[in-house]
Amino acid sequence: MPIVGWSYVLLLKREEKDLARISYLVEQPRHGLFKYRLQLRPRAQAAFAAHYLRLEKASRVFQRTESLSLIKPICLNIANQASLTTYAEGLPFSEFMRDATDDHT
């Protein structure tokens, strides 16, 4: 992918006790929409990589529905704890799972 020609729009900045990250909607006219996520408070690299691998596995297993969107992982930078994925509108699978967990705790 080219280095120039990208535009960024802030999607989310989340700062909680155990998690801090920022997400951008990123567009490159010839390549489409992506989501760029950066951990602002890095965590264990193995945990970060494991989360990304779960997203990758889920994107292969589940199909998109009207109420659920799945992203496809594109690139992972473990050292900087940043990732680039395809962008999909709708409720992210991770939020769906978090909501499901919250309902049962």
N, C-alpha and C. Protein backbone atom coordinates (compact mmCIF):
# COMPACT_ATOMS: atom_id res chain seq x y z
N MET A 1 0.83 -1.17 0.00
CA MET A 1 0.00 0.00 0.00
C MET A 1 0.89 1.25 0.00
N PRO A 2 0.40 2.31 -0.60
CA PRO A 2 1.20 3.53 -0.67
C PRO A 2 1.36 4.19 0.70
N ILE A 3 2.41 4.96 0.85
CA ILE A 3 2.68 5.67 2.10
C ILE A 3 1.90 6.97 2.18
N VAL A 4 1.64 7.61 1.05
CA VAL A 4 0.96 8.91 1.04
C VAL A 4 -0.50 8.78 0.61
N GLY A 5 -1.28 9.82 0.87
CA GLY A 5 -2.66 9.87 0.40
C GLY A 5 -3.68 9.36 1.40
N TRP A 6 -3.30 9.15 2.63
CA TRP A 6 -4.21 8.65 3.64
C TRP A 6 -4.89 9.80 4.38
N SER A 7 -6.14 9.62 4.76
CA SER A 7 -6.83 10.59 5.62
C SER A 7 -7.30 9.85 6.88
N TYR A 8 -7.31 10.57 8.00
CA TYR A 8 -7.64 9.99 9.30
C TYR A 8 -8.78 10.76 9.95
N VAL A 9 -9.74 10.03 10.53
CA VAL A 9 -10.84 10.63 11.29
C VAL A 9 -10.92 9.86 12.61
N LEU A 10 -10.91 10.58 13.72
CA LEU A 10 -10.99 9.95 15.03
C LEU A 10 -12.32 9.22 15.19
N LEU A 11 -12.27 7.94 15.56
CA LEU A 11 -13.47 7.15 15.84
C LEU A 11 -13.73 7.05 17.33
N LEU A 12 -12.68 6.79 18.09
CA LEU A 12 -12.85 6.50 19.51
C LEU A 12 -11.55 6.75 20.26
N LYS A 13 -11.68 7.36 21.41
CA LYS A 13 -10.56 7.44 22.35
C LYS A 13 -11.10 6.92 23.66
N ARG A 14 -10.54 5.81 24.11
CA ARG A 14 -11.06 5.12 25.29
C ARG A 14 -9.99 5.07 26.36
N GLU A 15 -10.30 5.62 27.52
CA GLU A 15 -9.36 5.57 28.64
C GLU A 15 -10.10 5.07 29.86
N GLU A 16 -9.73 3.87 30.25
CA GLU A 16 -10.29 3.24 31.44
C GLU A 16 -9.14 2.84 32.35
N LYS A 17 -9.47 2.30 33.49
CA LYS A 17 -8.44 1.92 34.46
C LYS A 17 -7.39 0.97 33.86
N ASP A 18 -7.85 -0.04 33.15
CA ASP A 18 -6.92 -1.05 32.64
C ASP A 18 -6.74 -1.01 31.12
N LEU A 19 -7.31 -0.01 30.45
CA LEU A 19 -7.24 0.04 28.99
C LEU A 19 -7.27 1.48 28.50
N ALA A 20 -6.38 1.78 27.59
CA ALA A 20 -6.38 3.10 26.95
C ALA A 20 -5.96 2.90 25.50
N ARG A 21 -6.85 3.29 24.59
CA ARG A 21 -6.53 3.14 23.17
C ARG A 21 -7.26 4.20 22.37
N ILE A 22 -6.79 4.37 21.15
CA ILE A 22 -7.39 5.32 20.23
C ILE A 22 -7.59 4.61 18.89
N SER A 23 -8.70 4.91 18.24
CA SER A 23 -9.01 4.29 16.95
C SER A 23 -9.35 5.37 15.94
N TYR A 24 -8.89 5.17 14.73
CA TYR A 24 -9.16 6.09 13.63
C TYR A 24 -9.78 5.35 12.46
N LEU A 25 -10.67 6.02 11.76
CA LEU A 25 -11.13 5.57 10.46
C LEU A 25 -10.11 6.13 9.47
N VAL A 26 -9.52 5.26 8.70
CA VAL A 26 -8.45 5.64 7.79
C VAL A 26 -8.89 5.33 6.37
N GLU A 27 -8.68 6.28 5.47
CA GLU A 27 -9.07 6.06 4.08
C GLU A 27 -7.91 6.35 3.14
N GLN A 28 -7.77 5.47 2.17
CA GLN A 28 -6.82 5.68 1.08
C GLN A 28 -7.66 5.49 -0.18
N PRO A 29 -7.81 6.54 -1.00
CA PRO A 29 -8.75 6.51 -2.12
C PRO A 29 -8.67 5.26 -3.00
N ARG A 30 -7.49 4.74 -3.24
CA ARG A 30 -7.39 3.57 -4.13
C ARG A 30 -7.53 2.25 -3.40
N HIS A 31 -7.56 2.28 -2.04
CA HIS A 31 -7.60 1.03 -1.29
C HIS A 31 -8.78 0.92 -0.33
N GLY A 32 -9.53 2.00 -0.12
CA GLY A 32 -10.74 1.92 0.69
C GLY A 32 -10.57 2.35 2.13
N LEU A 33 -11.50 1.84 2.97
CA LEU A 33 -11.57 2.22 4.38
C LEU A 33 -10.93 1.16 5.28
N PHE A 34 -10.25 1.67 6.30
CA PHE A 34 -9.60 0.81 7.28
C PHE A 34 -9.81 1.39 8.67
N LYS A 35 -9.50 0.57 9.67
CA LYS A 35 -9.51 1.05 11.06
C LYS A 35 -8.10 0.87 11.60
N TYR A 36 -7.55 1.98 12.12
CA TYR A 36 -6.23 1.96 12.74
C TYR A 36 -6.41 2.10 14.24
N ARG A 37 -5.85 1.18 15.00
CA ARG A 37 -5.99 1.20 16.46
C ARG A 37 -4.61 1.20 17.10
N LEU A 38 -4.44 2.05 18.10
CA LEU A 38 -3.17 2.17 18.81
C LEU A 38 -3.43 2.12 20.31
N GLN A 39 -2.70 1.27 21.01
CA GLN A 39 -2.78 1.21 22.46
C GLN A 39 -2.03 2.40 23.03
N LEU A 40 -2.69 3.21 23.83
CA LEU A 40 -2.04 4.37 24.44
C LEU A 40 -1.31 3.99 25.72
N ARG A 41 -1.76 2.95 26.35
CA ARG A 41 -1.11 2.41 27.54
C ARG A 41 -0.79 0.96 27.24
N PRO A 42 0.40 0.70 26.68
CA PRO A 42 0.72 -0.66 26.23
C PRO A 42 0.54 -1.70 27.34
N ARG A 43 0.11 -2.88 26.90
CA ARG A 43 -0.04 -4.01 27.80
C ARG A 43 0.94 -5.09 27.36
N ALA A 44 0.89 -6.23 27.99
CA ALA A 44 1.80 -7.31 27.63
C ALA A 44 1.67 -7.62 26.14
N GLN A 45 2.80 -7.71 25.46
CA GLN A 45 2.79 -7.93 24.02
C GLN A 45 2.09 -9.23 23.64
N ALA A 46 2.25 -10.26 24.45
CA ALA A 46 1.60 -11.54 24.14
C ALA A 46 0.09 -11.41 24.18
N ALA A 47 -0.44 -10.66 25.14
CA ALA A 47 -1.89 -10.46 25.23
C ALA A 47 -2.40 -9.65 24.05
N PHE A 48 -1.64 -8.64 23.65
CA PHE A 48 -2.01 -7.82 22.51
C PHE A 48 -2.06 -8.67 21.23
N ALA A 49 -1.02 -9.47 21.01
CA ALA A 49 -0.96 -10.33 19.83
C ALA A 49 -2.07 -11.38 19.85
N ALA A 50 -2.37 -11.93 21.03
CA ALA A 50 -3.42 -12.95 21.15
C ALA A 50 -4.79 -12.37 20.78
N HIS A 51 -5.05 -11.13 21.19
CA HIS A 51 -6.31 -10.47 20.84
C HIS A 51 -6.43 -10.33 19.32
N TYR A 52 -5.37 -9.91 18.68
CA TYR A 52 -5.36 -9.76 17.23
C TYR A 52 -5.59 -11.10 16.54
N LEU A 53 -4.96 -12.15 17.04
CA LEU A 53 -5.13 -13.48 16.44
C LEU A 53 -6.56 -13.99 16.60
N ARG A 54 -7.21 -13.64 17.72
CA ARG A 54 -8.62 -14.01 17.90
C ARG A 54 -9.49 -13.29 16.87
N LEU A 55 -9.20 -12.02 16.61
CA LEU A 55 -9.94 -11.28 15.59
C LEU A 55 -9.76 -11.93 14.22
N GLU A 56 -8.53 -12.30 13.94
CA GLU A 56 -8.23 -12.93 12.65
C GLU A 56 -9.00 -14.24 12.49
N LYS A 57 -9.02 -15.04 13.55
CA LYS A 57 -9.75 -16.32 13.50
C LYS A 57 -11.25 -16.08 13.35
N ALA A 58 -11.80 -15.14 14.11
CA ALA A 58 -13.23 -14.84 14.02
C ALA A 58 -13.61 -14.35 12.62
N SER A 59 -12.73 -13.58 11.98
CA SER A 59 -13.05 -13.06 10.65
C SER A 59 -13.14 -14.18 9.62
N ARG A 60 -12.45 -15.30 9.89
CA ARG A 60 -12.52 -16.44 8.97
C ARG A 60 -13.74 -17.31 9.25
N VAL A 61 -14.22 -17.34 10.50
CA VAL A 61 -15.26 -18.26 10.91
C VAL A 61 -16.67 -17.69 10.74
N PHE A 62 -16.88 -16.43 11.14
CA PHE A 62 -18.21 -15.85 11.16
C PHE A 62 -18.50 -15.07 9.88
N GLN A 63 -19.77 -15.02 9.55
CA GLN A 63 -20.22 -14.24 8.40
C GLN A 63 -20.84 -12.94 8.90
N ARG A 64 -20.80 -11.92 8.06
CA ARG A 64 -21.41 -10.63 8.40
C ARG A 64 -22.93 -10.76 8.37
N THR A 65 -23.59 -10.12 9.34
CA THR A 65 -25.05 -10.07 9.36
C THR A 65 -25.45 -8.60 9.49
N GLU A 66 -26.76 -8.32 9.45
CA GLU A 66 -27.21 -6.94 9.58
C GLU A 66 -26.87 -6.33 10.94
N SER A 67 -26.83 -7.15 11.98
CA SER A 67 -26.60 -6.63 13.32
C SER A 67 -25.16 -6.81 13.81
N LEU A 68 -24.33 -7.46 13.04
CA LEU A 68 -22.97 -7.75 13.47
C LEU A 68 -21.99 -7.52 12.33
N SER A 69 -20.94 -6.78 12.61
CA SER A 69 -19.93 -6.58 11.57
C SER A 69 -18.61 -7.21 12.02
N LEU A 70 -17.90 -7.76 11.07
CA LEU A 70 -16.61 -8.37 11.34
C LEU A 70 -15.55 -7.67 10.51
N ILE A 71 -14.42 -7.50 11.12
CA ILE A 71 -13.30 -6.87 10.43
C ILE A 71 -12.30 -7.94 10.01
N LYS A 72 -11.50 -7.61 9.04
CA LYS A 72 -10.44 -8.51 8.60
C LYS A 72 -9.10 -7.86 8.96
N PRO A 73 -8.32 -8.50 9.79
CA PRO A 73 -7.01 -7.96 10.14
C PRO A 73 -6.10 -7.86 8.92
N ILE A 74 -5.39 -6.74 8.83
CA ILE A 74 -4.48 -6.49 7.71
C ILE A 74 -3.03 -6.51 8.16
N CYS A 75 -2.74 -5.79 9.26
CA CYS A 75 -1.36 -5.62 9.69
C CYS A 75 -1.32 -5.45 11.21
N LEU A 76 -0.29 -5.99 11.82
CA LEU A 76 -0.10 -5.89 13.26
C LEU A 76 1.33 -5.46 13.55
N ASN A 77 1.49 -4.48 14.43
CA ASN A 77 2.80 -4.05 14.90
C ASN A 77 2.82 -4.30 16.41
N ILE A 78 3.39 -5.43 16.81
CA ILE A 78 3.37 -5.83 18.22
C ILE A 78 4.18 -4.87 19.07
N ALA A 79 5.34 -4.44 18.59
CA ALA A 79 6.21 -3.57 19.38
C ALA A 79 5.52 -2.25 19.73
N ASN A 80 4.79 -1.66 18.77
CA ASN A 80 4.09 -0.40 19.01
C ASN A 80 2.63 -0.60 19.42
N GLN A 81 2.19 -1.85 19.45
CA GLN A 81 0.83 -2.23 19.79
C GLN A 81 -0.18 -1.43 18.96
N ALA A 82 -0.01 -1.55 17.66
CA ALA A 82 -0.89 -0.90 16.70
C ALA A 82 -1.38 -1.96 15.71
N SER A 83 -2.59 -1.75 15.20
CA SER A 83 -3.12 -2.69 14.21
C SER A 83 -3.91 -1.94 13.14
N LEU A 84 -3.97 -2.54 11.98
CA LEU A 84 -4.74 -2.03 10.87
C LEU A 84 -5.66 -3.15 10.42
N THR A 85 -6.97 -2.83 10.33
CA THR A 85 -7.96 -3.81 9.90
C THR A 85 -8.86 -3.18 8.86
N THR A 86 -9.62 -4.01 8.17
CA THR A 86 -10.64 -3.45 7.30
C THR A 86 -11.67 -2.76 8.19
N TYR A 87 -12.43 -1.86 7.61
CA TYR A 87 -13.46 -1.16 8.36
C TYR A 87 -14.81 -1.74 7.99
N ALA A 88 -15.62 -2.00 8.99
CA ALA A 88 -16.98 -2.49 8.75
C ALA A 88 -17.92 -1.71 9.65
N GLU A 89 -19.02 -1.23 9.07
CA GLU A 89 -20.01 -0.51 9.86
C GLU A 89 -20.82 -1.50 10.67
N GLY A 90 -21.40 -1.03 11.75
CA GLY A 90 -22.22 -1.87 12.60
C GLY A 90 -21.54 -2.14 13.93
N LEU A 91 -22.16 -2.96 14.74
CA LEU A 91 -21.64 -3.31 16.04
C LEU A 91 -20.46 -4.25 15.89
N PRO A 92 -19.28 -3.85 16.37
CA PRO A 92 -18.12 -4.75 16.27
C PRO A 92 -18.36 -6.03 17.08
N PHE A 93 -17.83 -7.12 16.60
CA PHE A 93 -17.97 -8.41 17.27
C PHE A 93 -17.48 -8.33 18.71
N SER A 94 -16.39 -7.62 18.94
CA SER A 94 -15.84 -7.51 20.29
C SER A 94 -16.83 -6.83 21.23
N GLU A 95 -17.54 -5.80 20.73
CA GLU A 95 -18.55 -5.13 21.55
C GLU A 95 -19.75 -6.05 21.79
N PHE A 96 -20.12 -6.82 20.79
CA PHE A 96 -21.21 -7.79 20.93
C PHE A 96 -20.87 -8.78 22.04
N MET A 97 -19.63 -9.30 22.04
CA MET A 97 -19.20 -10.26 23.05
C MET A 97 -19.10 -9.59 24.43
N ARG A 98 -18.61 -8.35 24.48
CA ARG A 98 -18.51 -7.64 25.76
C ARG A 98 -19.91 -7.43 26.34
N ASP A 99 -20.87 -7.04 25.49
CA ASP A 99 -22.26 -6.85 25.95
C ASP A 99 -22.85 -8.17 26.45
N ALA A 100 -22.56 -9.26 25.74
CA ALA A 100 -23.06 -10.57 26.14
C ALA A 100 -22.48 -10.96 27.49
N THR A 101 -21.22 -10.67 27.73
CA THR A 101 -20.57 -10.98 28.99
C THR A 101 -21.16 -10.13 30.11
N ASP A 102 -21.37 -8.85 29.84
CA ASP A 102 -21.93 -7.95 30.85
C ASP A 102 -23.33 -8.37 31.26
N ASP A 103 -24.09 -8.96 30.35
CA ASP A 103 -25.44 -9.40 30.66
C ASP A 103 -25.46 -10.57 31.64
N HIS A 104 -24.34 -11.29 31.72
CA HIS A 104 -24.30 -12.50 32.54
C HIS A 104 -23.39 -12.37 33.75
N THR A 105 -22.91 -11.19 34.05
CA THR A 105 -22.03 -11.05 35.22
C THR A 105 -22.77 -10.46 36.39
